Amino acid sequence: MNRHWVTLEYPEILKRLAQYTDFSGGAELASALLPTSDHREARERLALTREACLLLDARPDLHSVVCMTSGRLQNARSTV
């Protein structure tokens, strides 16, 4: 791991993020996130996040599939 990431406590951030997941798949995805220095990639990631938020706001019925409750993502594999 990059020494700068350690200085910025990136491993701790990932650990805290993983704690907001309720199933192993989500925790694995959260723990595997890597920062990017590529401006285009960062903008694409932000756009995807924005799109997901807008979709969930526009389609409340999808909340049951995504299972967002109390800010925690639960296992939706069985419902999909």
PDB file of N, CA and C in Angstrom:
ATOM      1  N   MET A   1       0.848  -1.187   0.000  1.00  0.00           N
ATOM      2  CA  MET A   1       0.000   0.000   0.000  1.00  0.00           C
ATOM      3  C   MET A   1       0.886   1.241   0.000  1.00  0.00           C
ATOM      4  N   ASN A   2       0.486   2.211  -0.747  1.00  0.00           N
ATOM      5  CA  ASN A   2       1.195   3.471  -0.869  1.00  0.00           C
ATOM      6  C   ASN A   2       1.372   4.117   0.512  1.00  0.00           C
ATOM      7  N   ARG A   3       2.587   4.559   0.825  1.00  0.00           N
ATOM      8  CA  ARG A   3       2.838   5.140   2.150  1.00  0.00           C
ATOM      9  C   ARG A   3       2.012   6.399   2.395  1.00  0.00           C
ATOM     10  N   HIS A   4       1.672   7.103   1.323  1.00  0.00           N
ATOM     11  CA  HIS A   4       0.846   8.305   1.478  1.00  0.00           C
ATOM     12  C   HIS A   4      -0.573   7.928   1.902  1.00  0.00           C
ATOM     13  N   TRP A   5      -1.053   6.786   1.404  1.00  0.00           N
ATOM     14  CA  TRP A   5      -2.383   6.324   1.795  1.00  0.00           C
ATOM     15  C   TRP A   5      -2.415   6.013   3.279  1.00  0.00           C
ATOM     16  N   VAL A   6      -1.321   5.447   3.772  1.00  0.00           N
ATOM     17  CA  VAL A   6      -1.233   5.130   5.198  1.00  0.00           C
ATOM     18  C   VAL A   6      -1.230   6.428   6.007  1.00  0.00           C
ATOM     19  N   THR A   7      -0.465   7.415   5.531  1.00  0.00           N
ATOM     20  CA  THR A   7      -0.420   8.716   6.207  1.00  0.00           C
ATOM     21  C   THR A   7      -1.800   9.351   6.256  1.00  0.00           C
ATOM     22  N   LEU A   8      -2.558   9.210   5.179  1.00  0.00           N
ATOM     23  CA  LEU A   8      -3.909   9.780   5.115  1.00  0.00           C
ATOM     24  C   LEU A   8      -4.965   8.872   5.752  1.00  0.00           C
ATOM     25  N   GLU A   9      -4.498   7.762   6.349  1.00  0.00           N
ATOM     26  CA  GLU A   9      -5.367   6.805   7.023  1.00  0.00           C
ATOM     27  C   GLU A   9      -6.389   6.177   6.083  1.00  0.00           C
ATOM     28  N   TYR A  10      -5.985   5.965   4.827  1.00  0.00           N
ATOM     29  CA  TYR A  10      -6.879   5.350   3.850  1.00  0.00           C
ATOM     30  C   TYR A  10      -7.347   3.966   4.279  1.00  0.00           C
ATOM     31  N   PRO A  11      -6.456   3.121   4.820  1.00  0.00           N
ATOM     32  CA  PRO A  11      -6.934   1.813   5.281  1.00  0.00           C
ATOM     33  C   PRO A  11      -8.035   1.932   6.337  1.00  0.00           C
ATOM     34  N   GLU A  12      -7.918   2.913   7.210  1.00  0.00           N
ATOM     35  CA  GLU A  12      -8.947   3.120   8.240  1.00  0.00           C
ATOM     36  C   GLU A  12     -10.262   3.583   7.612  1.00  0.00           C
ATOM     37  N   ILE A  13     -10.178   4.417   6.599  1.00  0.00           N
ATOM     38  CA  ILE A  13     -11.377   4.884   5.892  1.00  0.00           C
ATOM     39  C   ILE A  13     -12.092   3.700   5.258  1.00  0.00           C
ATOM     40  N   LEU A  14     -11.327   2.816   4.600  1.00  0.00           N
ATOM     41  CA  LEU A  14     -11.931   1.634   3.980  1.00  0.00           C
ATOM     42  C   LEU A  14     -12.563   0.720   5.024  1.00  0.00           C
ATOM     43  N   LYS A  15     -11.895   0.572   6.140  1.00  0.00           N
ATOM     44  CA  LYS A  15     -12.421  -0.266   7.212  1.00  0.00           C
ATOM     45  C   LYS A  15     -13.745   0.300   7.731  1.00  0.00           C
ATOM     46  N   ARG A  16     -13.799   1.605   7.905  1.00  0.00           N
ATOM     47  CA  ARG A  16     -15.026   2.241   8.382  1.00  0.00           C
ATOM     48  C   ARG A  16     -16.137   2.130   7.348  1.00  0.00           C
ATOM     49  N   LEU A  17     -15.787   2.296   6.075  1.00  0.00           N
ATOM     50  CA  LEU A  17     -16.769   2.157   5.005  1.00  0.00           C
ATOM     51  C   LEU A  17     -17.337   0.744   4.986  1.00  0.00           C
ATOM     52  N   ALA A  18     -16.481  -0.245   5.111  1.00  0.00           N
ATOM     53  CA  ALA A  18     -16.921  -1.642   5.101  1.00  0.00           C
ATOM     54  C   ALA A  18     -17.880  -1.935   6.251  1.00  0.00           C
ATOM     55  N   GLN A  19     -17.749  -1.220   7.351  1.00  0.00           N
ATOM     56  CA  GLN A  19     -18.644  -1.418   8.493  1.00  0.00           C
ATOM     57  C   GLN A  19     -20.072  -0.976   8.191  1.00  0.00           C
ATOM     58  N   TYR A  20     -20.261  -0.168   7.156  1.00  0.00           N
ATOM     59  CA  TYR A  20     -21.599   0.279   6.779  1.00  0.00           C
ATOM     60  C   TYR A  20     -22.305  -0.716   5.863  1.00  0.00           C
ATOM     61  N   THR A  21     -21.640  -1.804   5.547  1.00  0.00           N
ATOM     62  CA  THR A  21     -22.264  -2.828   4.716  1.00  0.00           C
ATOM     63  C   THR A  21     -22.787  -3.932   5.618  1.00  0.00           C
ATOM     64  N   ASP A  22     -23.785  -4.646   5.133  1.00  0.00           N
ATOM     65  CA  ASP A  22     -24.387  -5.706   5.928  1.00  0.00           C
ATOM     66  C   ASP A  22     -24.178  -7.095   5.355  1.00  0.00           C
ATOM     67  N   PHE A  23     -23.400  -7.199   4.307  1.00  0.00           N
ATOM     68  CA  PHE A  23     -23.122  -8.525   3.760  1.00  0.00           C
ATOM     69  C   PHE A  23     -21.698  -8.553   3.217  1.00  0.00           C
ATOM     70  N   SER A  24     -21.155  -9.738   3.120  1.00  0.00           N
ATOM     71  CA  SER A  24     -19.737  -9.892   2.791  1.00  0.00           C
ATOM     72  C   SER A  24     -19.383  -9.310   1.423  1.00  0.00           C
ATOM     73  N   GLY A  25     -20.280  -9.442   0.457  1.00  0.00           N
ATOM     74  CA  GLY A  25     -19.993  -8.903  -0.871  1.00  0.00           C
ATOM     75  C   GLY A  25     -19.793  -7.405  -0.848  1.00  0.00           C
ATOM     76  N   GLY A  26     -20.627  -6.708  -0.110  1.00  0.00           N
ATOM     77  CA  GLY A  26     -20.493  -5.260   0.005  1.00  0.00           C
ATOM     78  C   GLY A  26     -19.221  -4.873   0.735  1.00  0.00           C
ATOM     79  N   ALA A  27     -18.910  -5.606   1.788  1.00  0.00           N
ATOM     80  CA  ALA A  27     -17.684  -5.328   2.548  1.00  0.00           C
ATOM     81  C   ALA A  27     -16.452  -5.556   1.683  1.00  0.00           C
ATOM     82  N   GLU A  28     -16.483  -6.616   0.874  1.00  0.00           N
ATOM     83  CA  GLU A  28     -15.350  -6.890  -0.019  1.00  0.00           C
ATOM     84  C   GLU A  28     -15.180  -5.777  -1.047  1.00  0.00           C
ATOM     85  N   LEU A  29     -16.296  -5.325  -1.624  1.00  0.00           N
ATOM     86  CA  LEU A  29     -16.222  -4.232  -2.602  1.00  0.00           C
ATOM     87  C   LEU A  29     -15.702  -2.954  -1.956  1.00  0.00           C
ATOM     88  N   ALA A  30     -16.194  -2.651  -0.774  1.00  0.00           N
ATOM     89  CA  ALA A  30     -15.761  -1.438  -0.068  1.00  0.00           C
ATOM     90  C   ALA A  30     -14.272  -1.517   0.264  1.00  0.00           C
ATOM     91  N   SER A  31     -13.817  -2.663   0.704  1.00  0.00           N
ATOM     92  CA  SER A  31     -12.416  -2.827   1.089  1.00  0.00           C
ATOM     93  C   SER A  31     -11.468  -2.790  -0.100  1.00  0.00           C
ATOM     94  N   ALA A  32     -11.979  -3.080  -1.281  1.00  0.00           N
ATOM     95  CA  ALA A  32     -11.137  -3.133  -2.475  1.00  0.00           C
ATOM     96  C   ALA A  32     -11.064  -1.802  -3.224  1.00  0.00           C
ATOM     97  N   LEU A  33     -11.785  -0.799  -2.766  1.00  0.00           N
ATOM     98  CA  LEU A  33     -11.773   0.489  -3.463  1.00  0.00           C
ATOM     99  C   LEU A  33     -10.382   1.099  -3.459  1.00  0.00           C
ATOM    100  N   LEU A  34     -10.015   1.631  -4.589  1.00  0.00           N
ATOM    101  CA  LEU A  34      -8.728   2.302  -4.715  1.00  0.00           C
ATOM    102  C   LEU A  34      -8.952   3.709  -5.248  1.00  0.00           C
ATOM    103  N   PRO A  35      -8.197   4.663  -4.734  1.00  0.00           N
ATOM    104  CA  PRO A  35      -8.321   6.022  -5.264  1.00  0.00           C
ATOM    105  C   PRO A  35      -7.743   6.080  -6.673  1.00  0.00           C
ATOM    106  N   THR A  36      -8.107   7.103  -7.381  1.00  0.00           N
ATOM    107  CA  THR A  36      -7.564   7.299  -8.725  1.00  0.00           C
ATOM    108  C   THR A  36      -6.980   8.702  -8.844  1.00  0.00           C
ATOM    109  N   SER A  37      -5.929   8.804  -9.597  1.00  0.00           N
ATOM    110  CA  SER A  37      -5.363  10.126  -9.890  1.00  0.00           C
ATOM    111  C   SER A  37      -5.787  10.580 -11.287  1.00  0.00           C
ATOM    112  N   ASP A  38      -6.540   9.728 -11.965  1.00  0.00           N
ATOM    113  CA  ASP A  38      -7.022  10.035 -13.305  1.00  0.00           C
ATOM    114  C   ASP A  38      -8.300  10.873 -13.193  1.00  0.00           C
ATOM    115  N   HIS A  39      -8.229  12.087 -13.666  1.00  0.00           N
ATOM    116  CA  HIS A  39      -9.345  13.020 -13.548  1.00  0.00           C
ATOM    117  C   HIS A  39     -10.602  12.470 -14.227  1.00  0.00           C
ATOM    118  N   ARG A  40     -10.456  11.895 -15.402  1.00  0.00           N
ATOM    119  CA  ARG A  40     -11.601  11.341 -16.132  1.00  0.00           C
ATOM    120  C   ARG A  40     -12.259  10.212 -15.333  1.00  0.00           C
ATOM    121  N   GLU A  41     -11.450   9.322 -14.778  1.00  0.00           N
ATOM    122  CA  GLU A  41     -11.975   8.212 -13.981  1.00  0.00           C
ATOM    123  C   GLU A  41     -12.724   8.732 -12.741  1.00  0.00           C
ATOM    124  N   ALA A  42     -12.159   9.732 -12.097  1.00  0.00           N
ATOM    125  CA  ALA A  42     -12.808  10.306 -10.920  1.00  0.00           C
ATOM    126  C   ALA A  42     -14.164  10.910 -11.284  1.00  0.00           C
ATOM    127  N   ARG A  43     -14.213  11.617 -12.401  1.00  0.00           N
ATOM    128  CA  ARG A  43     -15.476  12.215 -12.849  1.00  0.00           C
ATOM    129  C   ARG A  43     -16.500  11.134 -13.198  1.00  0.00           C
ATOM    130  N   GLU A  44     -16.050  10.038 -13.811  1.00  0.00           N
ATOM    131  CA  GLU A  44     -16.959   8.937 -14.137  1.00  0.00           C
ATOM    132  C   GLU A  44     -17.518   8.294 -12.878  1.00  0.00           C
ATOM    133  N   ARG A  45     -16.666   8.105 -11.891  1.00  0.00           N
ATOM    134  CA  ARG A  45     -17.125   7.519 -10.626  1.00  0.00           C
ATOM    135  C   ARG A  45     -18.140   8.422  -9.937  1.00  0.00           C
ATOM    136  N   LEU A  46     -17.864   9.712  -9.936  1.00  0.00           N
ATOM    137  CA  LEU A  46     -18.805  10.657  -9.330  1.00  0.00           C
ATOM    138  C   LEU A  46     -20.131  10.666 -10.088  1.00  0.00           C
ATOM    139  N   ALA A  47     -20.067  10.588 -11.400  1.00  0.00           N
ATOM    140  CA  ALA A  47     -21.285  10.571 -12.211  1.00  0.00           C
ATOM    141  C   ALA A  47     -22.108   9.317 -11.919  1.00  0.00           C
ATOM    142  N   LEU A  48     -21.456   8.175 -11.763  1.00  0.00           N
ATOM    143  CA  LEU A  48     -22.173   6.942 -11.434  1.00  0.00           C
ATOM    144  C   LEU A  48     -22.840   7.037 -10.060  1.00  0.00           C
ATOM    145  N   THR A  49     -22.123   7.610  -9.115  1.00  0.00           N
ATOM    146  CA  THR A  49     -22.686   7.783  -7.774  1.00  0.00           C
ATOM    147  C   THR A  49     -23.894   8.715  -7.822  1.00  0.00           C
ATOM    148  N   ARG A  50     -23.750   9.813  -8.547  1.00  0.00           N
ATOM    149  CA  ARG A  50     -24.846  10.771  -8.690  1.00  0.00           C
ATOM    150  C   ARG A  50     -26.047  10.102  -9.359  1.00  0.00           C
ATOM    151  N   GLU A  51     -25.797   9.325 -10.411  1.00  0.00           N
ATOM    152  CA  GLU A  51     -26.864   8.635 -11.124  1.00  0.00           C
ATOM    153  C   GLU A  51     -27.588   7.639 -10.212  1.00  0.00           C
ATOM    154  N   ALA A  52     -26.844   6.918  -9.409  1.00  0.00           N
ATOM    155  CA  ALA A  52     -27.460   5.962  -8.490  1.00  0.00           C
ATOM    156  C   ALA A  52     -28.341   6.678  -7.475  1.00  0.00           C
ATOM    157  N   CYS A  53     -27.871   7.794  -6.955  1.00  0.00           N
ATOM    158  CA  CYS A  53     -28.678   8.566  -5.995  1.00  0.00           C
ATOM    159  C   CYS A  53     -29.956   9.082  -6.649  1.00  0.00           C
ATOM    160  N   LEU A  54     -29.841   9.618  -7.851  1.00  0.00           N
ATOM    161  CA  LEU A  54     -31.019  10.118  -8.559  1.00  0.00           C
ATOM    162  C   LEU A  54     -31.999   8.996  -8.867  1.00  0.00           C
ATOM    163  N   LEU A  55     -31.488   7.845  -9.261  1.00  0.00           N
ATOM    164  CA  LEU A  55     -32.342   6.707  -9.563  1.00  0.00           C
ATOM    165  C   LEU A  55     -33.111   6.252  -8.327  1.00  0.00           C
ATOM    166  N   LEU A  56     -32.421   6.173  -7.206  1.00  0.00           N
ATOM    167  CA  LEU A  56     -33.092   5.751  -5.980  1.00  0.00           C
ATOM    168  C   LEU A  56     -34.116   6.790  -5.519  1.00  0.00           C
ATOM    169  N   ASP A  57     -33.834   8.071  -5.760  1.00  0.00           N
ATOM    170  CA  ASP A  57     -34.812   9.114  -5.416  1.00  0.00           C
ATOM    171  C   ASP A  57     -36.029   9.049  -6.333  1.00  0.00           C
ATOM    172  N   ALA A  58     -35.796   8.788  -7.623  1.00  0.00           N
ATOM    173  CA  ALA A  58     -36.882   8.769  -8.605  1.00  0.00           C
ATOM    174  C   ALA A  58     -37.699   7.482  -8.546  1.00  0.00           C
ATOM    175  N   ARG A  59     -37.091   6.396  -8.129  1.00  0.00           N
ATOM    176  CA  ARG A  59     -37.757   5.091  -8.115  1.00  0.00           C
ATOM    177  C   ARG A  59     -37.709   4.493  -6.715  1.00  0.00           C
ATOM    178  N   PRO A  60     -38.566   4.971  -5.827  1.00  0.00           N
ATOM    179  CA  PRO A  60     -38.560   4.447  -4.456  1.00  0.00           C
ATOM    180  C   PRO A  60     -38.757   2.934  -4.393  1.00  0.00           C
ATOM    181  N   ASP A  61     -39.410   2.361  -5.398  1.00  0.00           N
ATOM    182  CA  ASP A  61     -39.610   0.911  -5.409  1.00  0.00           C
ATOM    183  C   ASP A  61     -38.289   0.153  -5.491  1.00  0.00           C
ATOM    184  N   LEU A  62     -37.246   0.798  -5.997  1.00  0.00           N
ATOM    185  CA  LEU A  62     -35.950   0.142  -6.068  1.00  0.00           C
ATOM    186  C   LEU A  62     -35.281   0.038  -4.706  1.00  0.00           C
ATOM    187  N   HIS A  63     -35.740   0.828  -3.769  1.00  0.00           N
ATOM    188  CA  HIS A  63     -35.175   0.746  -2.426  1.00  0.00           C
ATOM    189  C   HIS A  63     -35.344  -0.654  -1.853  1.00  0.00           C
ATOM    190  N   SER A  64     -36.443  -1.326  -2.212  1.00  0.00           N
ATOM    191  CA  SER A  64     -36.640  -2.675  -1.692  1.00  0.00           C
ATOM    192  C   SER A  64     -35.644  -3.649  -2.302  1.00  0.00           C
ATOM    193  N   VAL A  65     -35.191  -3.373  -3.514  1.00  0.00           N
ATOM    194  CA  VAL A  65     -34.194  -4.238  -4.145  1.00  0.00           C
ATOM    195  C   VAL A  65     -32.815  -3.931  -3.585  1.00  0.00           C
ATOM    196  N   VAL A  66     -32.511  -2.653  -3.447  1.00  0.00           N
ATOM    197  CA  VAL A  66     -31.211  -2.250  -2.933  1.00  0.00           C
ATOM    198  C   VAL A  66     -31.159  -2.409  -1.423  1.00  0.00           C
ATOM    199  N   CYS A  67     -32.317  -2.353  -0.788  1.00  0.00           N
ATOM    200  CA  CYS A  67     -32.423  -2.568   0.659  1.00  0.00           C
ATOM    201  C   CYS A  67     -31.658  -1.524   1.464  1.00  0.00           C
ATOM    202  N   MET A  68     -31.835  -0.262   1.127  1.00  0.00           N
ATOM    203  CA  MET A  68     -31.189   0.780   1.896  1.00  0.00           C
ATOM    204  C   MET A  68     -32.034   1.075   3.133  1.00  0.00           C
ATOM    205  N   THR A  69     -31.473   0.807   4.279  1.00  0.00           N
ATOM    206  CA  THR A  69     -32.153   1.113   5.531  1.00  0.00           C
ATOM    207  C   THR A  69     -31.129   1.620   6.518  1.00  0.00           C
ATOM    208  N   SER A  70     -31.443   2.693   7.166  1.00  0.00           N
ATOM    209  CA  SER A  70     -30.562   3.271   8.181  1.00  0.00           C
ATOM    210  C   SER A  70     -29.149   3.516   7.661  1.00  0.00           C
ATOM    211  N   GLY A  71     -29.043   3.878   6.377  1.00  0.00           N
ATOM    212  CA  GLY A  71     -27.731   4.164   5.817  1.00  0.00           C
ATOM    213  C   GLY A  71     -26.877   2.928   5.610  1.00  0.00           C
ATOM    214  N   ARG A  72     -27.460   1.743   5.665  1.00  0.00           N
ATOM    215  CA  ARG A  72     -26.687   0.509   5.537  1.00  0.00           C
ATOM    216  C   ARG A  72     -27.193  -0.289   4.343  1.00  0.00           C
ATOM    217  N   LEU A  73     -26.268  -0.838   3.576  1.00  0.00           N
ATOM    218  CA  LEU A  73     -26.617  -1.659   2.424  1.00  0.00           C
ATOM    219  C   LEU A  73     -26.695  -3.104   2.877  1.00  0.00           C
ATOM    220  N   GLN A  74     -27.847  -3.716   2.668  1.00  0.00           N
ATOM    221  CA  GLN A  74     -28.046  -5.098   3.074  1.00  0.00           C
ATOM    222  C   GLN A  74     -27.968  -6.024   1.878  1.00  0.00           C
ATOM    223  N   ASN A  75     -27.886  -7.314   2.113  1.00  0.00           N
ATOM    224  CA  ASN A  75     -27.772  -8.292   1.042  1.00  0.00           C
ATOM    225  C   ASN A  75     -29.028  -8.298   0.203  1.00  0.00           C
ATOM    226  N   ALA A  76     -28.887  -7.954  -1.066  1.00  0.00           N
ATOM    227  CA  ALA A  76     -30.025  -7.934  -1.975  1.00  0.00           C
ATOM    228  C   ALA A  76     -29.939  -9.072  -2.980  1.00  0.00           C
ATOM    229  N   ARG A  77     -28.954  -9.948  -2.840  1.00  0.00           N
ATOM    230  CA  ARG A  77     -28.764 -11.036  -3.792  1.00  0.00           C
ATOM    231  C   ARG A  77     -30.002 -11.931  -3.873  1.00  0.00           C
ATOM    232  N   SER A  78     -30.648 -12.177  -2.750  1.00  0.00           N
ATOM    233  CA  SER A  78     -31.793 -13.070  -2.763  1.00  0.00           C
ATOM    234  C   SER A  78     -33.017 -12.449  -3.427  1.00  0.00           C
ATOM    235  N   THR A  79     -33.084 -11.128  -3.508  1.00  0.00           N
ATOM    236  CA  THR A  79     -34.227 -10.465  -4.111  1.00  0.00           C
ATOM    237  C   THR A  79     -34.027 -10.190  -5.588  1.00  0.00           C
ATOM    238  N   VAL A  80     -32.822 -10.286  -6.061  1.00  0.00           N
ATOM    239  CA  VAL A  80     -32.546  -9.989  -7.464  1.00  0.00           C
ATOM    240  C   VAL A  80     -32.524 -11.259  -8.272  1.00  0.00           C
TER     241      VAL A  80
END
